Each structure stands twice: as C-alpha cells, then as structure tokens.
C-alpha cells in the first residue's frame, strides 16, 4: 500500500512545522499520485519550513498561520493566511483528516515525537490517518511525547539530519536592549522569550540571576546555556517546579543531543504552554516579545510591514494576557528604535496593523530606555514612548502627540 493510498480527495492535512517537519515523508508523498484538492495546514517558521503546498499537483490548498518568504511566492488563490493566536490554533486543528509528523527513538529505544508538539495532540485527536516519518538521524527528546502505536496508520524510516539555523549575531543595539530587559528580571522569575538577536542578548545577560524558570513556546541554545550554568533551575516555579516547559526546540545538533539526555525539559502542546489558566498559576511570569512597530497609543504591530503580511500573530497575545493574570507578572515588548539602517522609526504615531491592543502592553524597551506603561494615562504613555524613539524622530512625534489627551 502506498502512502498516497491513505489520502482522499479534499482531505484536510495537518503537517508538523518548525524543527519537526517530516520532510522525508513529504518527499515520499510528492513522488506518488495524489488525490485532488488536498488542503495542507501548517504553522511554519522561516528557514525551517520551505514547502509551498499551492505548488503541489491537483490544485492543492495551503492554510498558514504565519507568513514566510517562501509563501510570499505562493498562488494567492490557494494560499489562505489565517490570523490566529497559537492557543486558538490548537483548538482549530482538532478535526483534521490526516496528520503528517516526525518521530524518533529516544536513548532507551522508545519512540517519541520529535522536537515540536505544539499542536500535535489536537491534530491527532480525530484524525482518520496518522502518517509518521521515523527519523534515525536524531534521538528524540527525553521529555517528548511518547508515540502510541495504536494511533499510527503507516510510517516510513529515514535518515535525515535536522535543519540547523545559522548562529545568531548579536549587534550593539540588541546587546543594549538585552541588558535593559535583563535589568527588569528578578531572581525566581519565570521567563518566556522568542527567537532572534534580542532574545539571545536577553538570555545572555542573565548570568547573575538565580533560580529562574522557563515556560514558553520554544527553547534554543540560550535557554540550554542558562540551564547548564544553573541560572535556570525552575526551583521557585509555583507549578512544574524543577521542570522547563516548552512546545518546541530550535537550534543546533548540540541542542538536540542535550535534549535527548535532559528529561527536565518537557514538551507540551499549546493548550498548556499558551493557556491562560496555566500561566495565571505561574507567579512572576515575565513575557518578552518583539514587534515591528509600536505607536504612541501603545498599540503593537508585530506582523505587518510596507503593506504586506510578513509574519503572523503567533503566541505573543496569549502570553501578554496570561501575564495579566499572573501574580507579579510583567509583559515586555522589546524592539530596536529604528529600521532600515536608522531611516525609519519603529515608534510611530499609529501602527499599520494592530496585533496587540494598547491594554495588553505593560513595558516597552528600545536601546534608548524603558517605558513602564501599565497604569499610565494616554498622554503620559505617549510622552514615555517618544523618549524611546531615536532622537531624530522625537520632535515629529511630539507634534503628532498633541491630539492624544
């Protein structure tokens, strides 16, 4: 029986994304005759996931929750960008027909799903077919989800090293922002950060803190380093004490090898990592997210630039709102003050598209300082945000702020 024989016309097919994309399985399917009007669903990350399913035969469709450079070239009549927070994506994929994912043996020979489980359990909940690529080039994370053989319809075996992203380069601006954000973090806080130069700089500046916790959507080399150095222990977490909770791992072979031997890093779905009722029980939760721009009202645009979708909603709003329910929680938006080599201000009069409402934002950080907005009047917020802009843009912003009362 071929892999394609498990598929039916019009099937809605969930494809695991980021580091757990089953590329070998996808290549095998592409070599077979597929039924028409398949509808692929994936939450991709740039660099990791390059498939444009609108280019597959028989008029396949593609739903994405995140735009990547590759998808900007997709057939717009069959690409469906869907703005949705990660916690809600988890519920949305419950009901797909087919799941394509990756697994590997752990150190003890037990089969576990690979290093991304953010939506996997929901997708498998009612799926008619679950196809798995068992990748012998990796060792599964010790804290990953065990594969129940009863849910597996068919599988193939491959040997395919995972994509390893280029090391993050931390420039002077990122370093300055990282130092300012690290200054807002206290011993015992539980952190959530993203990927990129600023999160790497933040994690790199936390070496003098004690007993930090991790709970979020991802772990990378920065998080691994803090755990190895004893800075992150999770000992003071009000739930999951001693454990480091994540949805996916993104990084080098060294990271994945370490995860294979580190059972304290536990992979959980977005119904746990991004769930408000969970985050509210984590005291002193500090969420750090990035943005494309922020306006004088405090509204955040994290996904739209120059009239086009460049990323997606992601999980930032889930964490911002969870922080509001956490005792001692703080939400931080960290971004450079300018873009395009200093020619464009990221502090603007009004954002191009609102990702996060002004009521979701607590603290904003650029290389020029920190603005603690929670509880401040609209006029005070605008004045504080102007001081975070590059000096050459401040006078124009003051003129635009006159209408804010």
Protein backbone atom coordinates (compact mmCIF):
# COMPACT_ATOMS: atom_id res chain seq x y z
CA UNK A 1 0.00 0.00 0.00
CA UNK A 2 1.38 3.42 -0.96
CA UNK A 3 1.36 6.42 1.37
CA UNK A 4 -0.92 8.31 -1.02
CA UNK A 5 -3.49 5.50 -0.89
CA UNK A 6 -4.35 6.64 2.65
CA UNK A 7 -5.48 10.04 1.34
CA UNK A 8 -8.88 11.06 -0.04
CA UNK A 9 -9.97 13.92 -2.23
CA UNK A 10 -10.38 17.12 -0.20
CA UNK A 11 -8.60 15.83 2.91
CA UNK A 12 -7.50 18.46 5.43
CA UNK A 13 -3.91 17.53 6.25
CA UNK A 14 -2.00 18.87 9.26
CA UNK A 15 1.77 18.99 8.73
CA UNK A 16 4.03 19.42 11.75
CA UNK A 17 6.12 22.57 11.47
CA UNK A 18 9.43 24.12 12.56
CA UNK A 19 12.00 21.50 13.65
CA UNK A 20 9.55 18.60 13.41
CA UNK A 21 8.52 18.93 9.78
CA UNK A 22 8.51 15.42 8.25
CA UNK A 23 10.45 16.41 5.12
CA UNK A 24 11.25 12.85 4.15
CA UNK A 25 7.60 11.89 4.39
CA UNK A 26 6.60 14.89 2.29
CA UNK A 27 9.18 13.99 -0.36
CA UNK A 28 7.82 10.44 -0.49
CA UNK A 29 4.27 11.70 -0.95
CA UNK A 30 5.34 14.07 -3.72
CA UNK A 31 6.66 11.12 -5.70
CA UNK A 32 3.25 9.43 -5.69
CA UNK A 33 -0.05 10.14 -7.43
CA UNK A 34 -2.10 12.28 -5.04
CA UNK A 35 -5.87 12.82 -4.97
CA UNK A 36 -7.14 16.28 -5.96
CA UNK A 37 -7.96 19.28 -3.77
CA UNK A 38 -5.89 18.30 -0.76
CA UNK A 39 -5.75 21.08 1.85
CA UNK A 40 -2.49 21.29 3.79
CA UNK A 41 -2.32 23.12 7.15
CA UNK A 42 0.96 24.20 8.74
CA UNK A 43 2.37 26.74 11.18
CA UNK A 44 5.78 27.35 9.54
CA UNK A 45 8.92 29.12 10.66
CA UNK A 46 11.13 30.88 8.13
CA UNK A 47 14.18 28.83 7.22
CA UNK A 48 12.88 25.64 8.79
CA UNK A 49 9.82 25.12 6.58
CA UNK A 50 10.14 25.79 2.86
CA UNK A 51 7.13 23.97 1.42
CA UNK A 52 4.59 25.89 -0.63
CA UNK A 53 1.76 23.39 -0.94
CA UNK A 54 -0.03 25.54 -3.54
CA UNK A 55 2.63 24.23 -5.95
CA UNK A 56 1.66 20.63 -5.32
CA UNK A 57 -0.38 18.90 -8.07
CA UNK A 58 -4.14 18.69 -8.45
CA UNK A 59 -4.89 22.15 -7.08
CA UNK A 60 -3.78 21.66 -3.50
CA UNK A 61 -4.60 24.40 -0.98
CA UNK A 62 -2.45 25.68 1.87
CA UNK A 63 -3.58 27.27 5.14
CA UNK A 64 -0.87 29.02 7.15
CA UNK A 65 -0.88 30.97 10.40
CA UNK A 66 2.49 32.57 9.73
CA UNK A 67 3.90 34.12 6.56
CA UNK A 68 7.42 33.25 5.40
CA UNK A 69 9.48 34.47 2.44
CA UNK A 70 8.73 31.24 0.59
CA UNK A 71 4.98 31.63 1.00
CA UNK A 72 5.02 35.15 -0.44
CA UNK A 73 5.54 33.44 -3.80
CA UNK A 74 2.55 31.12 -3.35
CA UNK A 75 -0.56 31.09 -5.53
CA UNK A 76 -2.73 33.68 -3.76
CA UNK A 77 -5.94 31.95 -4.85
CA UNK A 78 -4.99 28.81 -2.90
CA UNK A 79 -2.94 30.21 -0.03
CA UNK A 80 -5.07 31.05 3.00
CA UNK A 81 -3.34 33.14 5.67
CA UNK A 82 -5.36 32.88 8.87
CA UNK A 83 -4.64 35.33 11.71
CA UNK A 84 -4.95 33.35 14.92
CA UNK A 85 -3.24 33.14 18.30
CA UNK A 86 -1.34 29.93 18.94
CA UNK A 87 -3.63 28.77 21.73
CA UNK A 88 -6.60 29.00 19.36
CA UNK A 89 -4.72 27.26 16.54
CA UNK A 90 -4.53 24.25 18.86
CA UNK A 91 -8.33 24.04 19.00
CA UNK A 92 -8.73 24.88 15.30
CA UNK A 93 -6.70 21.87 14.08
CA UNK A 94 -8.78 19.45 16.15
CA UNK A 95 -10.82 17.85 13.39
CA UNK A 96 -8.32 17.50 10.54
CA UNK A 97 -8.46 14.31 8.49
CA UNK A 98 -4.76 13.47 8.20
CA UNK A 99 -1.63 14.16 10.29
CA UNK A 100 1.91 14.11 8.87
CA UNK A 101 4.59 14.25 11.54
CA UNK A 102 8.02 13.04 12.64
CA UNK A 103 9.24 10.79 15.44
CA UNK A 104 12.48 9.19 16.59
CA UNK A 105 13.74 6.67 19.12
CA UNK A 106 14.91 8.05 22.45
CA UNK A 107 18.02 6.87 24.30
CA UNK A 108 16.05 3.91 25.67
CA UNK A 109 14.68 2.84 22.31
CA UNK A 110 11.18 4.21 22.94
CA UNK A 111 9.50 6.02 20.05
CA UNK A 112 8.70 9.66 20.79
CA UNK A 113 7.53 12.54 18.64
CA UNK A 114 10.23 14.93 17.52
CA UNK A 115 11.10 18.37 18.86
CA UNK A 116 7.82 20.20 18.20
CA UNK A 117 4.50 19.13 19.69
CA UNK A 118 2.68 22.49 19.84
CA UNK A 119 -0.50 21.39 18.02
CA UNK A 120 0.14 17.68 17.53
CA UNK A 121 -2.16 16.14 20.11
CA UNK A 122 -5.13 18.23 18.96
CA UNK A 123 -4.49 17.35 15.32
CA UNK A 124 -4.37 13.62 16.12
CA UNK A 125 -7.49 13.78 18.27
CA UNK A 126 -9.96 12.95 15.48
CA UNK A 127 -7.68 12.30 12.50
CA UNK A 128 -8.59 9.37 10.28
CA UNK A 129 -4.95 8.85 9.24
CA UNK A 130 -1.66 9.48 11.08
CA UNK A 131 1.49 9.05 8.98
CA UNK A 132 4.86 9.20 10.75
CA UNK A 133 8.40 9.62 9.49
CA UNK A 134 10.73 7.80 11.88
CA UNK A 135 14.00 9.68 11.57
CA UNK A 136 17.05 7.63 12.57
CA UNK A 137 19.36 10.64 12.23
CA UNK A 138 18.16 12.11 15.53
CA UNK A 139 17.49 10.97 19.07
CA UNK A 140 14.11 12.02 20.43
CA UNK A 141 13.95 14.49 23.35
CA UNK A 142 13.79 12.69 26.69
CA UNK A 143 10.87 14.93 27.67
CA UNK A 144 8.99 14.48 24.41
CA UNK A 145 5.62 12.85 23.82
CA UNK A 146 5.58 9.06 23.58
CA UNK A 147 4.05 7.68 20.38
CA UNK A 148 1.02 5.49 20.93
CA UNK A 149 1.37 2.78 18.24
CA UNK A 150 -2.41 2.38 18.09
CA UNK A 151 -2.82 5.84 16.53
CA UNK A 152 -0.23 5.28 13.76
CA UNK A 153 -1.72 4.37 10.39
CA UNK A 154 1.56 3.98 8.49
CA UNK A 155 5.19 5.04 8.75
CA UNK A 156 8.41 5.31 6.80
CA UNK A 157 12.01 5.21 8.03
CA UNK A 158 14.54 7.86 7.02
CA UNK A 159 17.95 9.19 7.99
CA UNK A 160 17.79 12.98 7.73
CA UNK A 161 19.71 15.46 9.93
CA UNK A 162 17.53 18.30 11.16
CA UNK A 163 17.88 21.82 9.79
CA UNK A 164 20.40 23.77 11.86
CA UNK A 165 19.91 27.55 11.78
CA UNK A 166 22.86 29.91 11.50
CA UNK A 167 24.17 31.19 14.85
CA UNK A 168 22.51 34.40 15.99
CA UNK A 169 24.65 37.52 15.62
CA UNK A 170 24.08 39.98 18.47
CA UNK A 171 24.73 43.56 17.36
CA UNK A 172 25.25 46.59 19.61
CA UNK A 173 21.58 47.59 19.56
CA UNK A 174 20.43 44.10 20.50
CA UNK A 175 23.06 43.98 23.22
CA UNK A 176 21.84 47.28 24.68
CA UNK A 177 18.20 46.14 24.62
CA UNK A 178 19.14 42.78 26.13
CA UNK A 179 20.90 44.47 29.04
CA UNK A 180 17.93 46.76 29.73
CA UNK A 181 15.44 43.87 29.65
CA UNK A 182 17.67 41.71 31.84
CA UNK A 183 17.60 44.52 34.38
CA UNK A 184 13.85 44.02 34.70
CA UNK A 185 14.21 40.33 35.54
CA UNK A 186 14.42 39.31 39.20
CA UNK A 187 15.67 36.15 40.86
CA UNK A 188 13.00 33.45 40.70
CA UNK A 189 11.09 34.94 37.76
CA UNK A 190 9.72 32.56 35.10
CA UNK A 191 10.60 33.63 31.55
CA UNK A 192 9.15 33.33 28.08
CA UNK A 193 11.13 34.67 25.12
CA UNK A 194 11.20 34.26 21.35
CA UNK A 195 13.98 33.75 18.80
CA UNK A 196 16.43 36.18 17.27
CA UNK A 197 19.20 38.57 18.31
CA UNK A 198 17.28 40.40 21.04
CA UNK A 199 16.06 37.27 22.89
CA UNK A 200 19.58 35.84 22.60
CA UNK A 201 21.03 39.04 24.07
CA UNK A 202 18.49 38.98 26.91
CA UNK A 203 19.28 35.38 27.84
CA UNK A 204 23.00 36.12 27.54
CA UNK A 205 22.69 38.99 30.04
CA UNK A 206 21.02 36.93 32.76
CA UNK A 207 24.09 35.10 34.03
CA UNK A 208 23.95 36.69 37.51
CA UNK A 209 20.33 35.75 38.21
CA UNK A 210 19.31 32.81 40.39
CA UNK A 211 16.65 30.12 40.13
CA UNK A 212 14.91 31.44 37.02
CA UNK A 213 12.20 29.37 35.38
CA UNK A 214 11.32 28.72 31.74
CA UNK A 215 7.81 28.27 30.35
CA UNK A 216 7.07 29.13 26.74
CA UNK A 217 6.72 28.15 23.14
CA UNK A 218 10.36 27.32 22.44
CA UNK A 219 13.80 26.58 23.78
CA UNK A 220 17.06 27.29 21.98
CA UNK A 221 20.78 27.46 22.75
CA UNK A 222 20.27 30.45 25.04
CA UNK A 223 17.86 28.57 27.28
CA UNK A 224 20.07 25.48 27.22
CA UNK A 225 23.07 27.54 28.32
CA UNK A 226 21.23 29.04 31.29
CA UNK A 227 20.05 25.62 32.43
CA UNK A 228 23.55 24.16 32.09
CA UNK A 229 25.03 27.04 34.10
CA UNK A 230 22.47 26.65 36.88
CA UNK A 231 20.89 30.06 36.28
CA UNK A 232 17.61 28.44 35.24
CA UNK A 233 16.56 25.79 37.74
CA UNK A 234 12.80 26.16 37.94
CA UNK A 235 13.01 25.62 41.69
CA UNK A 236 10.82 28.62 42.52
CA UNK A 237 8.10 27.93 39.96
CA UNK A 238 4.70 27.79 41.60
CA UNK A 239 3.75 24.91 39.26
CA UNK A 240 6.01 22.47 37.37
CA UNK A 241 8.80 23.12 39.87
CA UNK A 242 12.15 21.92 38.54
CA UNK A 243 10.79 21.47 35.02
CA UNK A 244 11.35 23.60 31.92
CA UNK A 245 8.20 23.65 29.78
CA UNK A 246 8.34 24.27 26.03
CA UNK A 247 6.46 23.50 22.84
CA UNK A 248 9.43 23.12 20.51
CA UNK A 249 13.22 23.13 20.30
CA UNK A 250 15.01 25.20 17.66
CA UNK A 251 18.76 25.02 17.30
CA UNK A 252 21.91 23.10 16.53
CA UNK A 253 22.66 19.37 16.77
CA UNK A 254 24.23 20.12 20.16
CA UNK A 255 20.89 21.36 21.47
CA UNK A 256 19.01 18.29 20.23
CA UNK A 257 21.67 15.95 21.62
CA UNK A 258 21.42 17.66 25.02
CA UNK A 259 17.62 17.38 24.97
CA UNK A 260 17.93 13.65 24.37
CA UNK A 261 19.53 13.38 27.82
CA UNK A 262 17.60 16.10 29.67
CA UNK A 263 14.24 14.91 30.92
CA UNK A 264 13.64 18.13 32.85
CA UNK A 265 12.85 19.87 29.55
CA UNK A 266 9.26 18.78 28.92
CA UNK A 267 7.50 19.34 25.59
CA UNK A 268 3.83 20.23 25.89
CA UNK A 269 1.12 21.40 23.49
CA UNK A 270 -0.04 25.00 23.06
CA UNK A 271 -3.08 24.12 25.17
CA UNK A 272 -0.61 24.11 28.07
CA UNK A 273 2.30 26.37 27.05
CA UNK A 274 -0.03 29.18 25.88
CA UNK A 275 -3.06 28.54 28.06
CA UNK A 276 -4.14 31.44 30.27
CA UNK A 277 -5.45 29.19 33.04
CA UNK A 278 -1.95 27.65 33.28
CA UNK A 279 0.05 30.88 33.04
CA UNK A 280 -2.07 32.56 35.70
CA UNK A 281 -0.82 29.96 38.17
CA UNK A 282 2.83 30.80 37.47
CA UNK A 283 3.85 33.66 39.77
CA UNK A 284 6.20 36.35 38.47
CA UNK A 285 5.79 35.31 34.85
CA UNK A 286 7.84 37.58 32.56
CA UNK A 287 6.91 37.50 28.89
CA UNK A 288 9.25 39.14 26.35
CA UNK A 289 8.09 39.61 22.76
CA UNK A 290 9.22 41.61 19.76
CA UNK A 291 7.40 43.98 17.40
CA UNK A 292 7.64 45.60 14.00
CA UNK A 293 6.48 48.92 15.44
CA UNK A 294 4.58 50.43 18.36
CA UNK A 295 2.55 53.61 18.30
CA UNK A 296 2.02 56.46 20.72
CA UNK A 297 -1.19 54.84 21.96
CA UNK A 298 0.79 51.73 22.94
CA UNK A 299 -0.63 49.55 20.17
CA UNK A 300 1.74 46.91 18.82
CA UNK A 301 2.19 45.75 15.24
CA UNK A 302 4.19 42.50 15.22
CA UNK A 303 3.35 41.12 11.78
CA UNK A 304 2.77 43.70 9.03
CA UNK A 305 5.17 45.99 7.13
CA UNK A 306 5.06 48.03 3.93
CA UNK A 307 1.50 46.92 3.21
CA UNK A 308 2.10 43.18 3.44
CA UNK A 309 1.92 40.34 5.91
CA UNK A 310 5.48 39.40 6.92
CA UNK A 311 4.90 37.01 9.83
CA UNK A 312 1.84 36.24 11.96
CA UNK A 313 0.05 36.76 15.24
CA UNK A 314 1.99 33.95 16.91
CA UNK A 315 1.68 33.43 20.65
CA UNK A 316 2.54 36.88 21.96
CA UNK A 317 -1.05 37.82 22.82
CA UNK A 318 -1.56 34.54 24.66
CA UNK A 319 1.39 35.39 26.88
CA UNK A 320 0.55 39.09 27.29
CA UNK A 321 -2.91 38.25 28.57
CA UNK A 322 -1.67 35.36 30.67
CA UNK A 323 0.82 37.70 32.35
CA UNK A 324 -2.03 39.99 33.42
CA UNK A 325 -3.43 37.09 35.43
CA UNK A 326 -0.07 36.07 36.91
CA UNK A 327 0.77 37.42 40.36
CA UNK A 328 3.79 39.67 39.79
CA UNK A 329 3.66 39.08 36.03
CA UNK A 330 5.13 41.55 33.53
CA UNK A 331 4.79 41.77 29.76
CA UNK A 332 7.71 43.34 27.88
CA UNK A 333 7.81 44.41 24.23
CA UNK A 334 11.43 44.82 23.12
CA UNK A 335 12.37 46.31 19.75
CA UNK A 336 15.04 48.47 18.11
CA UNK A 337 14.07 52.13 17.85
CA UNK A 338 14.65 52.22 14.08
CA UNK A 339 14.63 50.07 10.96
CA UNK A 340 16.31 50.29 7.54
CA UNK A 341 19.67 51.44 8.89
CA UNK A 342 18.11 54.15 11.02
CA UNK A 343 15.95 55.69 8.28
CA UNK A 344 12.59 54.58 9.70
CA UNK A 345 11.30 54.95 13.25
CA UNK A 346 9.69 51.94 14.88
CA UNK A 347 7.99 54.29 17.35
CA UNK A 348 5.21 55.75 15.19
CA UNK A 349 2.10 57.88 15.51
CA UNK A 350 -0.15 54.97 14.57
CA UNK A 351 0.73 51.40 13.64
CA UNK A 352 -0.10 49.95 10.25
CA UNK A 353 -1.95 46.98 11.77
CA UNK A 354 -2.80 46.19 15.40
CA UNK A 355 -1.55 42.85 16.71
CA UNK A 356 -1.73 43.72 20.41
CA UNK A 357 -4.13 46.26 21.87
CA UNK A 358 -2.76 49.09 24.00
CA UNK A 359 -4.37 47.47 27.03
CA UNK A 360 -2.18 44.37 26.55
CA UNK A 361 1.15 46.21 26.85
CA UNK A 362 2.95 46.73 30.18
CA UNK A 363 6.57 47.64 29.39
CA UNK A 364 8.31 48.75 26.19
CA UNK A 365 12.09 48.68 25.74
CA UNK A 366 14.32 50.08 22.99
CA UNK A 367 18.04 50.80 23.10
CA UNK A 368 17.11 54.28 24.39
CA UNK A 369 15.42 53.13 27.56
CA UNK A 370 12.46 51.55 29.34
CA UNK A 371 8.85 52.79 29.42
CA UNK A 372 6.60 51.22 32.07
CA UNK A 373 3.15 51.93 30.65
CA UNK A 374 0.88 49.94 32.95
CA UNK A 375 -1.45 52.27 34.84
CA UNK A 376 -0.29 55.40 33.00
CA UNK A 377 -2.62 57.89 31.26
CA UNK A 378 -2.77 58.02 27.47
CA UNK A 379 -0.81 61.29 27.39
CA UNK A 380 1.84 60.01 29.78
CA UNK A 381 2.22 56.82 27.75
CA UNK A 382 2.76 58.82 24.57
CA UNK A 383 5.38 61.01 26.22
CA UNK A 384 7.24 57.99 27.57
CA UNK A 385 7.20 56.23 24.20
CA UNK A 386 8.55 59.31 22.43
CA UNK A 387 11.60 59.13 24.70
CA UNK A 388 12.21 55.57 23.42
CA UNK A 389 12.41 56.78 19.81
CA UNK A 390 15.67 57.72 18.13
CA UNK A 391 16.37 61.42 18.84
CA UNK A 392 15.98 62.49 15.20
CA UNK A 393 12.31 61.38 15.20
CA UNK A 394 11.20 62.77 18.57
CA UNK A 395 10.18 66.29 17.50
CA UNK A 396 7.87 64.97 14.79
CA UNK A 397 6.35 62.51 17.22
CA UNK A 398 5.72 65.29 19.76
CA UNK A 399 3.79 67.21 17.12
CA UNK A 400 1.68 64.13 16.35
CA UNK A 401 1.07 63.51 20.06
CA UNK A 402 -0.81 66.79 20.58
CA UNK A 403 -4.13 65.14 19.77
CA UNK A 404 -3.69 62.49 22.48
CA UNK A 405 -5.45 63.54 25.66
